[in-house]
Protein backbone atom coordinates (compact mmCIF):
# COMPACT_ATOMS: atom_id res chain seq x y z
CA MET A 1 43.68 5.78 43.21
CA PHE A 2 42.10 2.37 43.66
CA SER A 3 38.63 3.93 43.68
CA ILE A 4 39.35 5.63 40.35
CA LEU A 5 40.51 2.37 38.81
CA LEU A 6 37.50 0.58 40.27
CA ASN A 7 35.13 3.17 38.89
CA GLY A 8 36.84 2.97 35.54
CA LYS A 9 36.44 -0.80 35.44
CA THR A 10 32.83 -0.53 36.53
CA SER A 11 32.04 2.01 33.82
CA CYS A 12 33.73 -0.18 31.24
CA LYS A 13 31.60 -3.12 32.28
CA MET A 14 28.42 -1.05 32.14
CA GLU A 15 29.18 0.13 28.58
CA THR A 16 29.88 -3.37 27.28
CA HIS A 17 27.18 -4.67 24.93
CA THR A 18 26.65 -8.31 24.12
CA PRO A 19 26.03 -9.43 20.52
CA GLU A 20 22.49 -10.39 21.52
CA GLU A 21 21.79 -6.84 22.74
CA ASP A 22 23.20 -5.34 19.54
CA THR A 23 21.05 -7.68 17.43
CA THR A 24 17.94 -6.85 19.43
CA GLY A 25 18.60 -3.13 19.10
CA SER A 26 19.08 -3.48 15.34
CA GLU A 27 15.83 -5.44 15.02
CA ASN A 28 13.93 -2.86 17.05
CA THR A 29 15.31 -0.07 14.86
CA LEU A 30 14.31 -1.96 11.71
CA LEU A 31 10.82 -2.57 13.08
CA ARG A 32 10.32 1.08 14.03
CA SER A 33 11.63 2.26 10.67
CA THR A 34 9.49 -0.12 8.61
CA MET A 35 6.39 0.72 10.66
CA THR A 36 6.96 4.45 10.21
CA MET A 37 7.67 4.26 6.48
CA GLY A 38 4.89 1.71 6.01
CA LEU A 39 2.45 4.14 7.63
CA ILE A 40 3.69 7.07 5.51
CA THR A 41 3.52 5.03 2.30
CA GLY A 42 0.07 3.74 3.25
CA LEU A 43 -1.18 7.28 3.93
CA ALA A 44 0.16 8.42 0.55
CA LEU A 45 -1.74 5.58 -1.15
CA ILE A 46 -4.89 6.45 0.83
CA ILE A 47 -4.68 10.09 -0.27
CA TYR A 48 -4.32 8.94 -3.88
CA THR A 49 -7.29 6.58 -3.48
CA LEU A 50 -9.41 9.40 -2.04
CA LEU A 51 -8.50 11.57 -5.03
CA LEU A 52 -9.65 8.79 -7.36
CA TYR A 53 -12.83 8.37 -5.31
CA ALA A 54 -13.57 12.11 -5.38
CA THR A 55 -13.12 12.25 -9.17
CA ASN A 56 -15.15 9.05 -9.82
CA ASN A 57 -12.09 7.21 -11.13
CA LEU A 58 -11.73 4.66 -8.35
CA LEU A 59 -13.52 1.80 -10.11
CA LYS A 60 -12.29 2.56 -13.63
CA GLN A 61 -10.00 -0.03 -15.20
CA ASN A 62 -7.21 2.36 -16.19
CA PHE A 63 -3.64 1.12 -16.56
CA ALA A 64 -2.04 4.53 -16.03
CA LEU A 65 -3.96 5.14 -12.80
CA GLY A 66 -2.85 1.74 -11.53
CA VAL A 67 0.80 2.46 -12.33
CA VAL A 68 0.74 5.47 -9.99
CA ASN A 69 0.02 3.06 -7.11
CA TYR A 70 3.15 1.11 -7.97
CA ILE A 71 5.25 4.28 -8.24
CA ILE A 72 4.15 5.40 -4.76
CA LEU A 73 4.96 1.97 -3.32
CA ILE A 74 8.39 1.79 -4.99
CA ALA A 75 9.18 5.31 -3.80
CA GLY A 76 8.31 4.30 -0.25
CA ILE A 77 10.59 1.25 -0.45
CA VAL A 78 13.52 3.23 -1.90
CA ILE A 79 13.24 6.20 0.48
CA GLY A 80 12.71 3.95 3.51
CA THR A 81 15.56 1.54 2.71
CA ARG A 82 18.01 4.35 1.93
CA SER A 83 17.08 6.20 5.13
CA TYR A 84 17.49 3.02 7.21
CA ARG A 85 20.83 2.25 5.53
CA ASP A 86 22.29 5.72 6.07
CA GLN A 87 20.87 6.54 9.50
CA ALA A 88 20.71 3.20 11.31
CA MET A 89 23.27 1.02 9.52
CA GLY A 90 26.16 3.48 9.18
CA GLY A 91 25.72 3.81 5.42
CA TYR A 92 25.97 0.06 4.70
CA ILE A 93 23.33 -2.60 4.09
CA THR A 94 23.44 -6.08 2.60
CA TYR A 95 21.18 -7.20 -0.23
CA GLY A 96 19.29 -9.56 2.08
CA LYS A 97 18.76 -6.87 4.73
CA ALA A 98 17.49 -4.41 2.12
CA LEU A 99 15.17 -7.06 0.70
CA GLY A 100 13.78 -7.90 4.12
CA TYR A 101 13.30 -4.22 4.92
CA GLY A 102 11.27 -3.65 1.75
CA VAL A 103 9.03 -6.65 2.36
CA VAL A 104 8.31 -5.77 5.99
CA LEU A 105 7.62 -2.16 5.03
CA CYS A 106 5.07 -3.33 2.47
CA VAL A 107 3.40 -5.63 5.01
CA PHE A 108 2.71 -2.59 7.19
CA THR A 109 1.62 -0.62 4.12
CA GLY A 110 -0.82 -3.41 3.25
CA ILE A 111 -2.26 -3.34 6.78
CA VAL A 112 -2.82 0.44 6.62
CA VAL A 113 -4.35 0.33 3.13
CA GLY A 114 -6.38 -2.76 4.02
CA ILE A 115 -7.96 -1.11 7.06
CA PHE A 116 -8.82 1.95 4.97
CA THR A 117 -10.29 -0.23 2.21
CA TYR A 118 -12.45 -2.03 4.75
CA LEU A 119 -13.73 1.28 6.14
CA LEU A 120 -14.31 2.68 2.65
CA TYR A 121 -16.42 -0.24 1.43
CA GLU A 122 -18.09 -1.08 4.74
CA VAL A 123 -18.66 2.31 6.40
CA ILE A 124 -17.93 5.29 4.13
CA ASP A 125 -19.66 4.09 0.95
CA PRO A 126 -21.19 0.58 1.10
CA SER A 127 -22.63 1.05 -2.41
CA LEU A 128 -19.10 0.84 -3.83
CA MET A 129 -19.16 -2.94 -3.56
CA GLU A 130 -22.21 -3.21 -5.80
CA GLN A 131 -20.75 -0.68 -8.23
CA ASN A 132 -17.52 -2.66 -8.32
CA MET A 133 -19.37 -5.87 -9.17
CA LYS A 134 -21.18 -4.11 -12.03
CA VAL A 135 -17.87 -2.93 -13.45
CA ILE A 136 -16.55 -6.48 -13.30
CA GLN A 137 -19.70 -7.83 -15.00
CA GLU A 138 -19.39 -5.29 -17.83
CA GLU A 139 -15.75 -6.22 -18.30
CA MET A 140 -16.61 -9.93 -18.56
CA LEU A 141 -19.39 -9.22 -21.06
CA ASN A 142 -16.99 -7.15 -23.16
CA ARG A 143 -14.68 -10.17 -23.25
CA GLY A 144 -17.42 -12.16 -24.96
CA MET A 145 -18.64 -14.21 -22.02
CA SER A 146 -22.27 -15.26 -22.02
CA ALA A 147 -24.81 -13.90 -19.53
CA GLU A 148 -24.92 -17.29 -17.78
CA GLN A 149 -21.13 -17.39 -17.42
CA VAL A 150 -21.08 -13.84 -16.09
CA GLU A 151 -23.75 -14.67 -13.53
CA THR A 152 -21.85 -17.75 -12.37
CA MET A 153 -18.56 -15.86 -12.09
CA THR A 154 -20.28 -12.99 -10.28
CA GLU A 155 -21.73 -15.34 -7.69
CA MET A 156 -18.32 -16.91 -7.12
CA GLN A 157 -16.57 -13.56 -6.77
CA ALA A 158 -19.28 -12.17 -4.48
CA ARG A 159 -18.31 -14.77 -1.86
CA PHE A 160 -14.77 -13.45 -1.73
CA ARG A 161 -15.20 -9.76 -2.53
CA THR A 162 -16.31 -8.69 0.93
CA PRO A 163 -14.74 -5.77 2.84
CA PHE A 164 -13.01 -8.18 5.22
CA MET A 165 -11.61 -10.32 2.41
CA MET A 166 -10.42 -7.15 0.67
CA LEU A 167 -8.54 -6.24 3.86
CA ILE A 168 -6.82 -9.65 3.93
CA GLY A 169 -6.20 -9.45 0.19
CA SER A 170 -4.59 -6.02 0.57
CA ILE A 171 -2.05 -7.33 3.09
CA PHE A 172 -1.20 -10.32 0.90
CA THR A 173 -1.01 -8.25 -2.31
CA TYR A 174 1.23 -5.54 -0.90
CA SER A 175 3.48 -8.13 0.74
CA LEU A 176 3.89 -9.87 -2.63
CA LEU A 177 4.48 -6.57 -4.44
CA GLY A 178 7.02 -5.64 -1.77
CA LEU A 179 8.92 -8.85 -2.44
CA ILE A 180 8.89 -8.33 -6.21
CA PHE A 181 9.90 -4.66 -6.12
CA SER A 182 12.47 -5.13 -3.35
CA LEU A 183 14.22 -7.86 -5.33
CA VAL A 184 15.09 -5.09 -7.81
CA THR A 185 15.52 -2.04 -5.57
CA SER A 186 17.79 -3.91 -3.15
CA ALA A 187 20.30 -4.51 -5.92
CA PHE A 188 20.74 -0.73 -6.29
CA LEU A 189 20.49 0.18 -2.60
CA LYS A 190 22.81 -2.45 -1.13
CA LYS A 191 26.21 -1.28 0.03
CA ASP A 192 28.51 -3.80 1.66
CA LYS A 193 31.07 -2.83 4.28
CA PRO A 194 34.65 -2.82 3.00
CA MET A 195 36.68 -5.80 4.20
CA PHE A 196 39.68 -3.65 5.03
CA ASN A 197 39.60 -0.08 6.29
CA ASP A 198 42.18 2.33 4.96
């Protein structure tokens, strides 16, 4: 009898979780989820970029083509946040948690896309950088800038438009876009726990 009670107490002690352990587990789940969805979203953007590259539309200044990038990113944020809310958070998530999730997801997306961009411009097709600069020069000339101004601006941009800087820029850009988009999506995805259970 005493051994049963002792075993029962021991098992109860073993199953007890401290708040710190629960918090750590939640953070680990969030990190795994954002990494996974960030990778998936990044791969979707890479596939879209390869399609543009294959059809010679990668360097074209087209608003509609650029909007597709945003749609893919927003879809990744919405699907990822909803999945995390329903599967890891019991169907509830605060606005702040949803916002943080979206931003972290986009940081990982930026890393994936940034690495691909570096490989594309540095290894796969190094001539893309020169083609990109020509497109920028034509755009500045069409705006009415003089040849001297275009040359000066081109020299300034050439210092920063390197594959490595594009990698860093990708991480920063997607992090910023994640913040902007998540400020909106979180308002629709948040679901607070009821104060009183029926």
